[in-house]
Amino acid sequence: MTLNELLNFIAAEDKRLKKYFHTYSDQEKVILARTVKLMEEIGELSSEVLASHSLQRKAKLKKHSQKSLSWEFADVFITLALLAQALDVDIEKAVKTKIIEIEKRHKNNR
């Protein structure tokens, strides 16, 4: 999947979520809801990371798999992209700019 395909999915998913879950017109509520959802997804990812290192209770270890770990990474990524869209952040530009900054920092530290 290309970044452009992902961003097209995010735009479509944003419309779908607004239709089914965000019946209010207040953009601040959308942003708050997506921020809380992101934290929920990060918690689920954290649980999977712990399970991947056998640092969870047995009931959670039984549910853990490489697939569930991968899915939690995807959930975080998608939710983060939805939050960026709600805040009018051009995620592609932001990531490209940040990569350039990191590369410059590494060059200056050599």
Protein backbone atom coordinates (compact mmCIF):
# COMPACT_ATOMS: atom_id res chain seq x y z
CA MET A 1 0.00 0.00 0.00
CA THR A 2 1.30 3.43 -0.88
CA LEU A 3 1.00 6.46 1.37
CA ASN A 4 -1.45 7.97 -1.12
CA GLU A 5 -3.66 4.87 -0.92
CA LEU A 6 -3.54 5.03 2.86
CA LEU A 7 -4.50 8.71 2.87
CA ASN A 8 -7.40 7.98 0.52
CA PHE A 9 -8.55 5.25 2.92
CA ILE A 10 -8.26 7.69 5.84
CA ALA A 11 -10.44 10.24 4.02
CA ALA A 12 -13.09 7.59 3.33
CA GLU A 13 -12.88 6.21 6.88
CA ASP A 14 -13.23 9.73 8.28
CA LYS A 15 -16.52 10.14 6.40
CA ARG A 16 -17.75 6.73 7.52
CA LEU A 17 -16.90 7.37 11.17
CA LYS A 18 -18.55 10.79 11.13
CA LYS A 19 -21.69 9.27 9.66
CA TYR A 20 -21.97 6.49 12.24
CA PHE A 21 -20.35 7.82 15.40
CA HIS A 22 -19.95 11.59 15.26
CA THR A 23 -23.46 12.89 14.92
CA TYR A 24 -22.42 16.20 16.44
CA SER A 25 -21.02 19.04 14.39
CA ASP A 26 -18.49 20.28 16.97
CA GLN A 27 -14.99 19.60 15.57
CA GLU A 28 -13.49 19.88 19.06
CA LYS A 29 -15.51 16.81 20.10
CA VAL A 30 -14.25 14.90 17.07
CA ILE A 31 -10.66 15.80 17.98
CA LEU A 32 -11.17 14.86 21.63
CA ALA A 33 -12.81 11.55 20.69
CA ARG A 34 -10.00 10.68 18.28
CA THR A 35 -7.35 11.60 20.84
CA VAL A 36 -8.98 9.35 23.44
CA LYS A 37 -9.30 6.57 20.83
CA LEU A 38 -5.60 6.94 20.01
CA MET A 39 -4.72 6.49 23.68
CA GLU A 40 -6.93 3.39 23.81
CA GLU A 41 -5.15 1.93 20.79
CA ILE A 42 -1.72 2.73 22.26
CA GLY A 43 -2.77 0.89 25.42
CA GLU A 44 -3.77 -2.15 23.38
CA LEU A 45 -0.47 -2.01 21.49
CA SER A 46 1.41 -1.76 24.78
CA SER A 47 -0.40 -4.84 26.04
CA GLU A 48 0.61 -6.76 22.91
CA VAL A 49 4.23 -5.64 23.25
CA LEU A 50 4.28 -6.88 26.84
CA ALA A 51 2.73 -10.17 25.75
CA SER A 52 5.32 -10.55 23.00
CA HIS A 53 7.93 -10.63 25.77
CA SER A 54 5.87 -12.88 28.08
CA LEU A 55 5.32 -10.01 30.50
CA GLN A 56 1.54 -10.39 30.70
CA ARG A 57 -0.70 -12.64 32.75
CA LYS A 58 -1.42 -16.07 31.25
CA ALA A 59 -4.91 -15.18 29.98
CA LYS A 60 -3.47 -12.37 27.85
CA LEU A 61 -0.52 -14.46 26.73
CA LYS A 62 -2.93 -17.05 25.29
CA LYS A 63 -4.55 -14.39 23.10
CA HIS A 64 -1.27 -12.93 21.86
CA SER A 65 0.05 -13.64 18.37
CA GLN A 66 2.25 -11.91 15.85
CA LYS A 67 -0.93 -11.13 13.94
CA SER A 68 -2.54 -9.40 16.93
CA LEU A 69 0.64 -7.40 17.50
CA SER A 70 0.68 -6.32 13.85
CA TRP A 71 -3.00 -5.36 13.97
CA GLU A 72 -2.45 -3.16 17.01
CA PHE A 73 0.35 -1.32 15.21
CA ALA A 74 -2.03 -0.79 12.28
CA ASP A 75 -4.80 0.43 14.62
CA VAL A 76 -2.46 3.01 16.15
CA PHE A 77 -1.26 4.17 12.74
CA ILE A 78 -4.78 4.50 11.31
CA THR A 79 -6.13 6.26 14.40
CA LEU A 80 -3.16 8.63 14.41
CA ALA A 81 -3.76 9.47 10.73
CA LEU A 82 -7.46 10.12 11.46
CA LEU A 83 -6.49 12.48 14.29
CA ALA A 84 -4.02 14.28 12.01
CA GLN A 85 -6.76 14.75 9.44
CA ALA A 86 -9.14 16.13 12.09
CA LEU A 87 -6.46 18.67 13.02
CA ASP A 88 -5.68 19.55 9.37
CA VAL A 89 -2.15 18.18 9.65
CA ASP A 90 -0.64 17.14 6.32
CA ILE A 91 0.86 13.92 7.63
CA GLU A 92 2.87 13.26 4.46
CA LYS A 93 4.51 16.68 4.58
CA ALA A 94 5.03 16.45 8.34
CA VAL A 95 6.80 13.09 8.10
CA LYS A 96 8.97 14.17 5.17
CA THR A 97 9.97 17.36 6.98
CA LYS A 98 10.75 15.45 10.17
CA ILE A 99 12.88 12.90 8.33
CA ILE A 100 14.94 15.71 6.79
CA GLU A 101 15.40 17.25 10.25
CA ILE A 102 16.50 13.92 11.75
CA GLU A 103 18.94 13.30 8.90
CA LYS A 104 20.48 16.78 9.38
CA ARG A 105 20.81 16.13 13.11
CA HIS A 106 22.65 12.87 12.42
CA LYS A 107 24.99 14.56 9.95
CA ASN A 108 25.81 17.26 12.50
CA ASN A 109 26.57 14.68 15.21
CA ARG A 110 29.16 12.81 13.16
